[in-house]
Amino acid sequence: MGKTTIGAALTVLGVMASATAYAQSASAQSNCDWYAKTALRQQQENEQKRCNFKGDGWASDLRSHLSWCMANPDQWKSEAQRREQMLSGCRR
């Protein structure tokens, strides 16, 4: 292969890698948007039922949930499920 062909192939691979990273980032953002909104809804339910759950996972701040999710992209689903289980065990 000539230098031009190798350079073109590397450029194509770079573009493909960037596109894949962008798609993964967009997916993470979408997941985290859902997570943050769900966390706020769960906190509202926590307050309405007077369950008195406390801690960072029970914050009333959308940005804190969004930031946590972006820093912990593999844990958002289990964290939302954990809070949902806690809420289902809380009596009104």
PDB file of N, CA and C in Angstrom:
ATOM      1  N   MET A   1       0.846  -1.181   0.000  1.00  0.00           N
ATOM      2  CA  MET A   1       0.000   0.000   0.000  1.00  0.00           C
ATOM      3  C   MET A   1       0.880   1.229   0.000  1.00  0.00           C
ATOM      4  N   GLY A   2       0.441   2.237  -0.711  1.00  0.00           N
ATOM      5  CA  GLY A   2       1.177   3.486  -0.723  1.00  0.00           C
ATOM      6  C   GLY A   2       0.820   4.331   0.480  1.00  0.00           C
ATOM      7  N   LYS A   3       1.611   5.378   0.706  1.00  0.00           N
ATOM      8  CA  LYS A   3       1.372   6.270   1.846  1.00  0.00           C
ATOM      9  C   LYS A   3       0.009   6.927   1.767  1.00  0.00           C
ATOM     10  N   THR A   4      -0.418   7.274   0.564  1.00  0.00           N
ATOM     11  CA  THR A   4      -1.717   7.920   0.389  1.00  0.00           C
ATOM     12  C   THR A   4      -2.852   6.972   0.780  1.00  0.00           C
ATOM     13  N   THR A   5      -2.756   5.715   0.383  1.00  0.00           N
ATOM     14  CA  THR A   5      -3.788   4.725   0.697  1.00  0.00           C
ATOM     15  C   THR A   5      -3.844   4.466   2.198  1.00  0.00           C
ATOM     16  N   ILE A   6      -2.699   4.356   2.835  1.00  0.00           N
ATOM     17  CA  ILE A   6      -2.659   4.143   4.281  1.00  0.00           C
ATOM     18  C   ILE A   6      -3.233   5.351   5.007  1.00  0.00           C
ATOM     19  N   GLY A   7      -2.858   6.537   4.559  1.00  0.00           N
ATOM     20  CA  GLY A   7      -3.381   7.758   5.178  1.00  0.00           C
ATOM     21  C   GLY A   7      -4.891   7.855   5.039  1.00  0.00           C
ATOM     22  N   ALA A   8      -5.399   7.511   3.860  1.00  0.00           N
ATOM     23  CA  ALA A   8      -6.846   7.542   3.641  1.00  0.00           C
ATOM     24  C   ALA A   8      -7.547   6.516   4.521  1.00  0.00           C
ATOM     25  N   ALA A   9      -6.960   5.335   4.647  1.00  0.00           N
ATOM     26  CA  ALA A   9      -7.555   4.290   5.485  1.00  0.00           C
ATOM     27  C   ALA A   9      -7.574   4.717   6.947  1.00  0.00           C
ATOM     28  N   LEU A  10      -6.503   5.335   7.404  1.00  0.00           N
ATOM     29  CA  LEU A  10      -6.460   5.817   8.786  1.00  0.00           C
ATOM     30  C   LEU A  10      -7.479   6.920   9.012  1.00  0.00           C
ATOM     31  N   THR A  11      -7.670   7.781   8.027  1.00  0.00           N
ATOM     32  CA  THR A  11      -8.666   8.852   8.133  1.00  0.00           C
ATOM     33  C   THR A  11     -10.067   8.251   8.259  1.00  0.00           C
ATOM     34  N   VAL A  12     -10.366   7.259   7.431  1.00  0.00           N
ATOM     35  CA  VAL A  12     -11.681   6.604   7.479  1.00  0.00           C
ATOM     36  C   VAL A  12     -11.878   5.933   8.839  1.00  0.00           C
ATOM     37  N   LEU A  13     -10.852   5.246   9.335  1.00  0.00           N
ATOM     38  CA  LEU A  13     -10.957   4.607  10.647  1.00  0.00           C
ATOM     39  C   LEU A  13     -11.172   5.640  11.749  1.00  0.00           C
ATOM     40  N   GLY A  14     -10.505   6.766  11.658  1.00  0.00           N
ATOM     41  CA  GLY A  14     -10.675   7.833  12.641  1.00  0.00           C
ATOM     42  C   GLY A  14     -12.085   8.382  12.635  1.00  0.00           C
ATOM     43  N   VAL A  15     -12.630   8.586  11.448  1.00  0.00           N
ATOM     44  CA  VAL A  15     -14.009   9.086  11.329  1.00  0.00           C
ATOM     45  C   VAL A  15     -14.983   8.068  11.903  1.00  0.00           C
ATOM     46  N   MET A  16     -14.768   6.796  11.612  1.00  0.00           N
ATOM     47  CA  MET A  16     -15.655   5.748  12.129  1.00  0.00           C
ATOM     48  C   MET A  16     -15.580   5.681  13.655  1.00  0.00           C
ATOM     49  N   ALA A  17     -14.391   5.787  14.205  1.00  0.00           N
ATOM     50  CA  ALA A  17     -14.239   5.762  15.660  1.00  0.00           C
ATOM     51  C   ALA A  17     -14.924   6.961  16.295  1.00  0.00           C
ATOM     52  N   SER A  18     -14.792   8.130  15.675  1.00  0.00           N
ATOM     53  CA  SER A  18     -15.450   9.332  16.193  1.00  0.00           C
ATOM     54  C   SER A  18     -16.968   9.186  16.149  1.00  0.00           C
ATOM     55  N   ALA A  19     -17.474   8.627  15.057  1.00  0.00           N
ATOM     56  CA  ALA A  19     -18.921   8.438  14.928  1.00  0.00           C
ATOM     57  C   ALA A  19     -19.433   7.464  15.984  1.00  0.00           C
ATOM     58  N   THR A  20     -18.671   6.401  16.236  1.00  0.00           N
ATOM     59  CA  THR A  20     -19.063   5.422  17.250  1.00  0.00           C
ATOM     60  C   THR A  20     -19.056   6.069  18.632  1.00  0.00           C
ATOM     61  N   ALA A  21     -18.022   6.827  18.938  1.00  0.00           N
ATOM     62  CA  ALA A  21     -17.933   7.507  20.232  1.00  0.00           C
ATOM     63  C   ALA A  21     -19.083   8.496  20.395  1.00  0.00           C
ATOM     64  N   TYR A  22     -19.431   9.213  19.329  1.00  0.00           N
ATOM     65  CA  TYR A  22     -20.538  10.172  19.380  1.00  0.00           C
ATOM     66  C   TYR A  22     -21.853   9.443  19.646  1.00  0.00           C
ATOM     67  N   ALA A  23     -22.068   8.325  18.963  1.00  0.00           N
ATOM     68  CA  ALA A  23     -23.303   7.561  19.157  1.00  0.00           C
ATOM     69  C   ALA A  23     -23.392   7.050  20.584  1.00  0.00           C
ATOM     70  N   GLN A  24     -22.271   6.567  21.133  1.00  0.00           N
ATOM     71  CA  GLN A  24     -22.272   6.090  22.512  1.00  0.00           C
ATOM     72  C   GLN A  24     -22.527   7.241  23.475  1.00  0.00           C
ATOM     73  N   SER A  25     -21.957   8.398  23.186  1.00  0.00           N
ATOM     74  CA  SER A  25     -22.156   9.577  24.033  1.00  0.00           C
ATOM     75  C   SER A  25     -23.616  10.023  23.990  1.00  0.00           C
ATOM     76  N   ALA A  26     -24.206  10.021  22.800  1.00  0.00           N
ATOM     77  CA  ALA A  26     -25.613  10.409  22.665  1.00  0.00           C
ATOM     78  C   ALA A  26     -26.510   9.432  23.409  1.00  0.00           C
ATOM     79  N   SER A  27     -26.170   8.148  23.348  1.00  0.00           N
ATOM     80  CA  SER A  27     -26.940   7.137  24.061  1.00  0.00           C
ATOM     81  C   SER A  27     -26.810   7.333  25.571  1.00  0.00           C
ATOM     82  N   ALA A  28     -25.597   7.600  26.035  1.00  0.00           N
ATOM     83  CA  ALA A  28     -25.377   7.843  27.464  1.00  0.00           C
ATOM     84  C   ALA A  28     -26.156   9.068  27.911  1.00  0.00           C
ATOM     85  N   GLN A  29     -26.173  10.108  27.103  1.00  0.00           N
ATOM     86  CA  GLN A  29     -26.912  11.320  27.448  1.00  0.00           C
ATOM     87  C   GLN A  29     -28.403  11.020  27.539  1.00  0.00           C
ATOM     88  N   SER A  30     -28.911  10.250  26.597  1.00  0.00           N
ATOM     89  CA  SER A  30     -30.328   9.882  26.608  1.00  0.00           C
ATOM     90  C   SER A  30     -30.664   9.050  27.855  1.00  0.00           C
ATOM     91  N   ASN A  31     -29.813   8.072  28.168  1.00  0.00           N
ATOM     92  CA  ASN A  31     -30.016   7.260  29.367  1.00  0.00           C
ATOM     93  C   ASN A  31     -29.988   8.124  30.622  1.00  0.00           C
ATOM     94  N   CYS A  32     -29.045   9.045  30.668  1.00  0.00           N
ATOM     95  CA  CYS A  32     -28.894   9.883  31.856  1.00  0.00           C
ATOM     96  C   CYS A  32     -30.029  10.894  31.986  1.00  0.00           C
ATOM     97  N   ASP A  33     -30.560  11.369  30.869  1.00  0.00           N
ATOM     98  CA  ASP A  33     -31.728  12.247  30.927  1.00  0.00           C
ATOM     99  C   ASP A  33     -32.895  11.492  31.558  1.00  0.00           C
ATOM    100  N   TRP A  34     -33.111  10.256  31.082  1.00  0.00           N
ATOM    101  CA  TRP A  34     -34.183   9.428  31.642  1.00  0.00           C
ATOM    102  C   TRP A  34     -33.927   9.184  33.125  1.00  0.00           C
ATOM    103  N   TYR A  35     -32.699   8.825  33.462  1.00  0.00           N
ATOM    104  CA  TYR A  35     -32.346   8.524  34.846  1.00  0.00           C
ATOM    105  C   TYR A  35     -32.623   9.723  35.757  1.00  0.00           C
ATOM    106  N   ALA A  36     -32.167  10.894  35.361  1.00  0.00           N
ATOM    107  CA  ALA A  36     -32.326  12.090  36.198  1.00  0.00           C
ATOM    108  C   ALA A  36     -33.802  12.426  36.405  1.00  0.00           C
ATOM    109  N   LYS A  37     -34.602  12.334  35.354  1.00  0.00           N
ATOM    110  CA  LYS A  37     -36.035  12.613  35.475  1.00  0.00           C
ATOM    111  C   LYS A  37     -36.721  11.572  36.370  1.00  0.00           C
ATOM    112  N   THR A  38     -36.312  10.326  36.225  1.00  0.00           N
ATOM    113  CA  THR A  38     -36.865   9.259  37.054  1.00  0.00           C
ATOM    114  C   THR A  38     -36.478   9.459  38.518  1.00  0.00           C
ATOM    115  N   ALA A  39     -35.232   9.835  38.757  1.00  0.00           N
ATOM    116  CA  ALA A  39     -34.763  10.073  40.126  1.00  0.00           C
ATOM    117  C   ALA A  39     -35.567  11.200  40.781  1.00  0.00           C
ATOM    118  N   LEU A  40     -35.871  12.240  40.024  1.00  0.00           N
ATOM    119  CA  LEU A  40     -36.683  13.340  40.577  1.00  0.00           C
ATOM    120  C   LEU A  40     -38.097  12.879  40.882  1.00  0.00           C
ATOM    121  N   ARG A  41     -38.671  12.093  39.988  1.00  0.00           N
ATOM    122  CA  ARG A  41     -40.012  11.565  40.228  1.00  0.00           C
ATOM    123  C   ARG A  41     -40.010  10.681  41.476  1.00  0.00           C
ATOM    124  N   GLN A  42     -38.968   9.873  41.626  1.00  0.00           N
ATOM    125  CA  GLN A  42     -38.869   9.009  42.799  1.00  0.00           C
ATOM    126  C   GLN A  42     -38.704   9.829  44.079  1.00  0.00           C
ATOM    127  N   GLN A  43     -37.962  10.898  44.007  1.00  0.00           N
ATOM    128  CA  GLN A  43     -37.801  11.754  45.185  1.00  0.00           C
ATOM    129  C   GLN A  43     -39.128  12.421  45.546  1.00  0.00           C
ATOM    130  N   GLN A  44     -39.883  12.827  44.557  1.00  0.00           N
ATOM    131  CA  GLN A  44     -41.200  13.408  44.827  1.00  0.00           C
ATOM    132  C   GLN A  44     -42.105  12.389  45.513  1.00  0.00           C
ATOM    133  N   GLU A  45     -42.044  11.146  45.046  1.00  0.00           N
ATOM    134  CA  GLU A  45     -42.836  10.089  45.674  1.00  0.00           C
ATOM    135  C   GLU A  45     -42.350   9.842  47.103  1.00  0.00           C
ATOM    136  N   ASN A  46     -41.048   9.880  47.306  1.00  0.00           N
ATOM    137  CA  ASN A  46     -40.456   9.739  48.636  1.00  0.00           C
ATOM    138  C   ASN A  46     -41.038  10.787  49.583  1.00  0.00           C
ATOM    139  N   GLU A  47     -41.122  12.021  49.113  1.00  0.00           N
ATOM    140  CA  GLU A  47     -41.665  13.102  49.935  1.00  0.00           C
ATOM    141  C   GLU A  47     -43.163  12.939  50.160  1.00  0.00           C
ATOM    142  N   GLN A  48     -43.912  12.595  49.100  1.00  0.00           N
ATOM    143  CA  GLN A  48     -45.361  12.446  49.208  1.00  0.00           C
ATOM    144  C   GLN A  48     -45.753  11.331  50.169  1.00  0.00           C
ATOM    145  N   LYS A  49     -45.029  10.216  50.105  1.00  0.00           N
ATOM    146  CA  LYS A  49     -45.322   9.080  50.985  1.00  0.00           C
ATOM    147  C   LYS A  49     -44.709   9.247  52.373  1.00  0.00           C
ATOM    148  N   ARG A  50     -43.894  10.288  52.540  1.00  0.00           N
ATOM    149  CA  ARG A  50     -43.185  10.529  53.799  1.00  0.00           C
ATOM    150  C   ARG A  50     -42.321   9.325  54.202  1.00  0.00           C
ATOM    151  N   CYS A  51     -41.600   8.795  53.214  1.00  0.00           N
ATOM    152  CA  CYS A  51     -40.711   7.653  53.460  1.00  0.00           C
ATOM    153  C   CYS A  51     -39.436   8.077  54.175  1.00  0.00           C
ATOM    154  N   ASN A  52     -39.052   9.322  53.994  1.00  0.00           N
ATOM    155  CA  ASN A  52     -37.859   9.899  54.634  1.00  0.00           C
ATOM    156  C   ASN A  52     -36.552   9.250  54.217  1.00  0.00           C
ATOM    157  N   PHE A  53     -36.476   8.771  52.963  1.00  0.00           N
ATOM    158  CA  PHE A  53     -35.205   8.275  52.457  1.00  0.00           C
ATOM    159  C   PHE A  53     -34.291   9.463  52.233  1.00  0.00           C
ATOM    160  N   LYS A  54     -33.034   9.317  52.600  1.00  0.00           N
ATOM    161  CA  LYS A  54     -32.060  10.406  52.518  1.00  0.00           C
ATOM    162  C   LYS A  54     -30.831   9.954  51.734  1.00  0.00           C
ATOM    163  N   GLY A  55     -30.004  10.920  51.387  1.00  0.00           N
ATOM    164  CA  GLY A  55     -28.750  10.631  50.706  1.00  0.00           C
ATOM    165  C   GLY A  55     -28.717  11.237  49.320  1.00  0.00           C
ATOM    166  N   ASP A  56     -27.578  11.123  48.678  1.00  0.00           N
ATOM    167  CA  ASP A  56     -27.399  11.721  47.351  1.00  0.00           C
ATOM    168  C   ASP A  56     -28.394  11.185  46.327  1.00  0.00           C
ATOM    169  N   GLY A  57     -28.747   9.922  46.437  1.00  0.00           N
ATOM    170  CA  GLY A  57     -29.699   9.323  45.506  1.00  0.00           C
ATOM    171  C   GLY A  57     -31.102   9.871  45.634  1.00  0.00           C
ATOM    172  N   TRP A  58     -31.350  10.622  46.700  1.00  0.00           N
ATOM    173  CA  TRP A  58     -32.675  11.184  46.949  1.00  0.00           C
ATOM    174  C   TRP A  58     -32.663  12.700  46.837  1.00  0.00           C
ATOM    175  N   ALA A  59     -31.739  13.238  46.109  1.00  0.00           N
ATOM    176  CA  ALA A  59     -31.652  14.691  45.930  1.00  0.00           C
ATOM    177  C   ALA A  59     -32.810  15.198  45.074  1.00  0.00           C
ATOM    178  N   SER A  60     -33.135  16.465  45.246  1.00  0.00           N
ATOM    179  CA  SER A  60     -34.193  17.107  44.453  1.00  0.00           C
ATOM    180  C   SER A  60     -33.601  17.954  43.334  1.00  0.00           C
ATOM    181  N   ASP A  61     -32.358  17.702  42.991  1.00  0.00           N
ATOM    182  CA  ASP A  61     -31.645  18.505  41.998  1.00  0.00           C
ATOM    183  C   ASP A  61     -31.358  17.673  40.748  1.00  0.00           C
ATOM    184  N   LEU A  62     -31.964  18.045  39.635  1.00  0.00           N
ATOM    185  CA  LEU A  62     -31.806  17.330  38.370  1.00  0.00           C
ATOM    186  C   LEU A  62     -30.335  17.235  37.968  1.00  0.00           C
ATOM    187  N   ARG A  63     -29.606  18.326  38.100  1.00  0.00           N
ATOM    188  CA  ARG A  63     -28.198  18.335  37.677  1.00  0.00           C
ATOM    189  C   ARG A  63     -27.344  17.355  38.465  1.00  0.00           C
ATOM    190  N   SER A  64     -27.608  17.206  39.740  1.00  0.00           N
ATOM    191  CA  SER A  64     -26.800  16.266  40.526  1.00  0.00           C
ATOM    192  C   SER A  64     -27.029  14.828  40.052  1.00  0.00           C
ATOM    193  N   HIS A  65     -28.268  14.492  39.718  1.00  0.00           N
ATOM    194  CA  HIS A  65     -28.554  13.149  39.200  1.00  0.00           C
ATOM    195  C   HIS A  65     -27.927  12.956  37.822  1.00  0.00           C
ATOM    196  N   LEU A  66     -27.998  13.983  36.992  1.00  0.00           N
ATOM    197  CA  LEU A  66     -27.403  13.911  35.655  1.00  0.00           C
ATOM    198  C   LEU A  66     -25.894  13.744  35.753  1.00  0.00           C
ATOM    199  N   SER A  67     -25.251  14.499  36.607  1.00  0.00           N
ATOM    200  CA  SER A  67     -23.800  14.407  36.786  1.00  0.00           C
ATOM    201  C   SER A  67     -23.402  13.033  37.317  1.00  0.00           C
ATOM    202  N   TRP A  68     -24.148  12.533  38.294  1.00  0.00           N
ATOM    203  CA  TRP A  68     -23.844  11.217  38.847  1.00  0.00           C
ATOM    204  C   TRP A  68     -23.926  10.161  37.758  1.00  0.00           C
ATOM    205  N   CYS A  69     -24.970  10.226  36.957  1.00  0.00           N
ATOM    206  CA  CYS A  69     -25.177   9.233  35.903  1.00  0.00           C
ATOM    207  C   CYS A  69     -24.048   9.274  34.876  1.00  0.00           C
ATOM    208  N   MET A  70     -23.645  10.463  34.465  1.00  0.00           N
ATOM    209  CA  MET A  70     -22.578  10.572  33.473  1.00  0.00           C
ATOM    210  C   MET A  70     -21.263  10.026  34.036  1.00  0.00           C
ATOM    211  N   ALA A  71     -21.053  10.149  35.337  1.00  0.00           N
ATOM    212  CA  ALA A  71     -19.833   9.640  35.966  1.00  0.00           C
ATOM    213  C   ALA A  71     -19.920   8.137  36.245  1.00  0.00           C
ATOM    214  N   ASN A  72     -21.131   7.592  36.267  1.00  0.00           N
ATOM    215  CA  ASN A  72     -21.366   6.173  36.577  1.00  0.00           C
ATOM    216  C   ASN A  72     -22.264   5.540  35.515  1.00  0.00           C
ATOM    217  N   PRO A  73     -21.846   5.533  34.257  1.00  0.00           N
ATOM    218  CA  PRO A  73     -22.745   5.130  33.173  1.00  0.00           C
ATOM    219  C   PRO A  73     -23.232   3.685  33.228  1.00  0.00           C
ATOM    220  N   ASP A  74     -22.569   2.840  33.985  1.00  0.00           N
ATOM    221  CA  ASP A  74     -22.984   1.440  34.058  1.00  0.00           C
ATOM    222  C   ASP A  74     -23.890   1.148  35.252  1.00  0.00           C
ATOM    223  N   GLN A  75     -24.171   2.157  36.057  1.00  0.00           N
ATOM    224  CA  GLN A  75     -24.918   1.917  37.292  1.00  0.00           C
ATOM    225  C   GLN A  75     -26.287   2.576  37.333  1.00  0.00           C
ATOM    226  N   TRP A  76     -26.624   3.393  36.339  1.00  0.00           N
ATOM    227  CA  TRP A  76     -27.857   4.177  36.416  1.00  0.00           C
ATOM    228  C   TRP A  76     -29.104   3.302  36.535  1.00  0.00           C
ATOM    229  N   LYS A  77     -29.136   2.210  35.793  1.00  0.00           N
ATOM    230  CA  LYS A  77     -30.337   1.369  35.791  1.00  0.00           C
ATOM    231  C   LYS A  77     -30.537   0.688  37.145  1.00  0.00           C
ATOM    232  N   SER A  78     -29.466   0.133  37.703  1.00  0.00           N
ATOM    233  CA  SER A  78     -29.604  -0.552  38.987  1.00  0.00           C
ATOM    234  C   SER A  78     -29.931   0.426  40.111  1.00  0.00           C
ATOM    235  N   GLU A  79     -29.416   1.649  40.020  1.00  0.00           N
ATOM    236  CA  GLU A  79     -29.721   2.659  41.042  1.00  0.00           C
ATOM    237  C   GLU A  79     -31.199   3.053  40.986  1.00  0.00           C
ATOM    238  N   ALA A  80     -31.735   3.239  39.790  1.00  0.00           N
ATOM    239  CA  ALA A  80     -33.157   3.575  39.647  1.00  0.00           C
ATOM    240  C   ALA A  80     -34.024   2.421  40.155  1.00  0.00           C
ATOM    241  N   GLN A  81     -33.630   1.186  39.859  1.00  0.00           N
ATOM    242  CA  GLN A  81     -34.381   0.017  40.329  1.00  0.00           C
ATOM    243  C   GLN A  81     -34.322  -0.094  41.848  1.00  0.00           C
ATOM    244  N   ARG A  82     -33.156   0.194  42.422  1.00  0.00           N
ATOM    245  CA  ARG A  82     -33.008   0.132  43.877  1.00  0.00           C
ATOM    246  C   ARG A  82     -33.955   1.119  44.560  1.00  0.00           C
ATOM    247  N   ARG A  83     -34.001   2.350  44.053  1.00  0.00           N
ATOM    248  CA  ARG A  83     -34.910   3.346  44.644  1.00  0.00           C
ATOM    249  C   ARG A  83     -36.360   2.930  44.464  1.00  0.00           C
ATOM    250  N   GLU A  84     -36.692   2.363  43.315  1.00  0.00           N
ATOM    251  CA  GLU A  84     -38.066   1.920  43.057  1.00  0.00           C
ATOM    252  C   GLU A  84     -38.463   0.825  44.054  1.00  0.00           C
ATOM    253  N   GLN A  85     -37.556  -0.090  44.336  1.00  0.00           N
ATOM    254  CA  GLN A  85     -37.830  -1.150  45.317  1.00  0.00           C
ATOM    255  C   GLN A  85     -38.024  -0.556  46.717  1.00  0.00           C
ATOM    256  N   MET A  86     -37.207   0.410  47.064  1.00  0.00           N
ATOM    257  CA  MET A  86     -37.346   1.059  48.369  1.00  0.00           C
ATOM    258  C   MET A  86     -38.708   1.727  48.482  1.00  0.00           C
ATOM    259  N   LEU A  87     -39.111   2.415  47.422  1.00  0.00           N
ATOM    260  CA  LEU A  87     -40.394   3.103  47.432  1.00  0.00           C
ATOM    261  C   LEU A  87     -41.565   2.133  47.511  1.00  0.00           C
ATOM    262  N   SER A  88     -41.456   1.003  46.824  1.00  0.00           N
ATOM    263  CA  SER A  88     -42.563   0.046  46.855  1.00  0.00           C
ATOM    264  C   SER A  88     -42.700  -0.580  48.240  1.00  0.00           C
ATOM    265  N   GLY A  89     -41.629  -0.596  49.020  1.00  0.00           N
ATOM    266  CA  GLY A  89     -41.690  -1.118  50.379  1.00  0.00           C
ATOM    267  C   GLY A  89     -42.116  -0.088  51.413  1.00  0.00           C
ATOM    268  N   CYS A  90     -42.225   1.159  50.996  1.00  0.00           N
ATOM    269  CA  CYS A  90     -42.605   2.234  51.916  1.00  0.00           C
ATOM    270  C   CYS A  90     -44.130   2.368  51.917  1.00  0.00           C
ATOM    271  N   ARG A  91     -44.690   2.331  53.094  1.00  0.00           N
ATOM    272  CA  ARG A  91     -46.151   2.486  53.213  1.00  0.00           C
ATOM    273  C   ARG A  91     -46.498   3.964  53.347  1.00  0.00           C
ATOM    274  N   ARG A  92     -47.686   4.309  52.888  1.00  0.00           N
ATOM    275  CA  ARG A  92     -48.169   5.698  52.993  1.00  0.00           C
ATOM    276  C   ARG A  92     -48.564   6.008  54.396  1.00  0.00           C
TER     277      ARG A  92
END
